[in-house]
Amino acid sequence: MDEKDANRIDEATEDLAGAARESYNVAVDRAFAARESSTRLTRSFFEDWLDTLQDQAELNRHTIQSLAELAREQREVFRELSRESLNAYDGFLDSLFSYYKEASEKSEDPGADLC
């Protein structure tokens, strides 16, 4: 093997080593790019998830406020209905008492039927 062949072998070895380094660098760059992309995707997922949770919490707050307002309105309606029912019952008892009073006065006054 002469010097010329040795030089060619050295050049080929250097070319092969250079190609291997370049290939390795590209692979490392792609791995870092994939990792960065994965990190962005993960961050985006969690940010979206947090936004969704915050939106859901706000919706729950509004729903609870609406339910509390509805419960308050129903309480007021029930109070008014109870008040009206109590007034009607009082009126009914008053009418029974008045009827009893009139009936007992007429039974005490025997001449009241003859007039």
Protein backbone atom coordinates (compact mmCIF):
# COMPACT_ATOMS: atom_id res chain seq x y z
CA MET A 1 0.00 0.00 0.00
CA ASP A 2 1.53 3.24 -1.01
CA GLU A 3 1.18 6.70 0.36
CA LYS A 4 -1.50 7.64 -2.13
CA ASP A 5 -3.74 4.78 -0.98
CA ALA A 6 -3.10 5.70 2.63
CA ASN A 7 -4.12 9.28 1.90
CA ARG A 8 -7.30 8.09 0.21
CA ILE A 9 -8.10 5.87 3.16
CA ASP A 10 -7.44 8.74 5.54
CA GLU A 11 -9.67 11.05 3.47
CA ALA A 12 -12.41 8.42 3.30
CA THR A 13 -12.12 7.88 7.04
CA GLU A 14 -12.32 11.62 7.65
CA ASP A 15 -15.29 11.91 5.28
CA LEU A 16 -17.00 9.03 7.05
CA ALA A 17 -16.26 10.53 10.46
CA GLY A 18 -17.50 13.94 9.26
CA ALA A 19 -20.69 12.37 7.90
CA ALA A 20 -21.17 10.49 11.18
CA ARG A 21 -20.66 13.73 13.16
CA GLU A 22 -23.07 15.59 10.91
CA SER A 23 -25.61 12.79 11.18
CA TYR A 24 -25.18 12.76 14.95
CA ASN A 25 -25.58 16.56 15.12
CA VAL A 26 -28.75 16.42 13.00
CA ALA A 27 -30.13 13.63 15.19
CA VAL A 28 -29.35 15.61 18.36
CA ASP A 29 -30.89 18.79 16.87
CA ARG A 30 -34.01 16.88 15.91
CA ALA A 31 -34.22 15.30 19.36
CA PHE A 32 -33.96 18.73 21.00
CA ALA A 33 -36.54 20.14 18.57
CA ALA A 34 -38.88 17.23 19.35
CA ARG A 35 -38.34 17.76 23.07
CA GLU A 36 -39.05 21.48 22.71
CA SER A 37 -42.16 20.76 20.66
CA SER A 38 -43.31 18.23 23.24
CA THR A 39 -42.70 20.76 26.01
CA ARG A 40 -44.75 23.40 24.15
CA LEU A 41 -47.52 20.88 23.56
CA THR A 42 -47.54 19.85 27.22
CA ARG A 43 -47.52 23.47 28.39
CA SER A 44 -50.32 24.32 25.98
CA PHE A 45 -52.33 21.33 27.16
CA PHE A 46 -52.01 22.32 30.82
CA GLU A 47 -52.69 25.99 30.11
CA ASP A 48 -55.82 25.05 28.17
CA TRP A 49 -56.77 22.65 30.94
CA LEU A 50 -56.34 25.39 33.55
CA ASP A 51 -58.41 27.78 31.43
CA THR A 52 -61.10 25.12 31.14
CA LEU A 53 -61.07 24.59 34.90
CA GLN A 54 -61.30 28.33 35.51
CA ASP A 55 -64.20 28.62 33.06
CA GLN A 56 -65.95 25.70 34.77
CA ALA A 57 -65.41 27.28 38.20
CA GLU A 58 -66.88 30.56 36.96
CA LEU A 59 -69.87 28.71 35.49
CA ASN A 60 -70.35 26.90 38.81
CA ARG A 61 -70.25 30.23 40.68
CA HIS A 62 -72.90 31.70 38.40
CA THR A 63 -75.03 28.58 38.74
CA ILE A 64 -74.80 28.66 42.54
CA GLN A 65 -75.70 32.36 42.55
CA SER A 66 -78.69 31.66 40.31
CA LEU A 67 -79.80 28.79 42.53
CA ALA A 68 -79.46 30.97 45.63
CA GLU A 69 -81.55 33.69 43.99
CA LEU A 70 -84.15 31.14 42.94
CA ALA A 71 -84.28 29.74 46.49
CA ARG A 72 -84.74 33.27 47.87
CA GLU A 73 -87.56 33.96 45.42
CA GLN A 74 -89.23 30.65 46.30
CA ARG A 75 -88.95 31.48 50.02
CA GLU A 76 -90.67 34.82 49.40
CA VAL A 77 -93.44 33.15 47.38
CA PHE A 78 -93.90 30.53 50.08
CA ARG A 79 -94.09 33.22 52.79
CA GLU A 80 -96.68 35.17 50.82
CA LEU A 81 -98.67 32.01 50.13
CA SER A 82 -98.48 31.06 53.82
CA ARG A 83 -99.58 34.58 54.82
CA GLU A 84 -102.54 34.45 52.44
CA SER A 85 -103.46 30.96 53.61
CA LEU A 86 -103.30 32.07 57.25
CA ASN A 87 -105.46 35.11 56.48
CA ALA A 88 -108.01 32.90 54.70
CA TYR A 89 -108.06 30.49 57.66
CA ASP A 90 -108.48 33.40 60.10
CA GLY A 91 -111.38 34.66 57.97
CA PHE A 92 -112.94 31.22 58.00
CA LEU A 93 -112.65 30.96 61.80
CA ASP A 94 -114.03 34.50 62.20
CA SER A 95 -117.01 33.60 60.05
CA LEU A 96 -117.65 30.46 62.13
CA PHE A 97 -117.40 32.51 65.33
CA SER A 98 -119.77 35.17 63.92
CA TYR A 99 -122.26 32.52 62.84
CA TYR A 100 -122.07 30.85 66.27
CA LYS A 101 -122.50 34.22 67.98
CA GLU A 102 -125.56 35.10 65.84
CA ALA A 103 -127.05 31.66 66.35
CA SER A 104 -126.57 31.81 70.11
CA GLU A 105 -128.08 35.34 70.27
CA LYS A 106 -131.15 34.20 68.33
CA SER A 107 -131.61 31.16 70.53
CA GLU A 108 -131.49 33.40 73.65
CA ASP A 109 -134.08 35.82 72.23
CA PRO A 110 -137.27 33.77 71.56
CA GLY A 111 -139.19 36.78 70.23
CA ALA A 112 -136.66 37.52 67.52
CA ASP A 113 -138.14 34.77 65.32
CA LEU A 114 -141.68 36.22 65.47
CA CYS A 115 -140.90 39.67 64.11
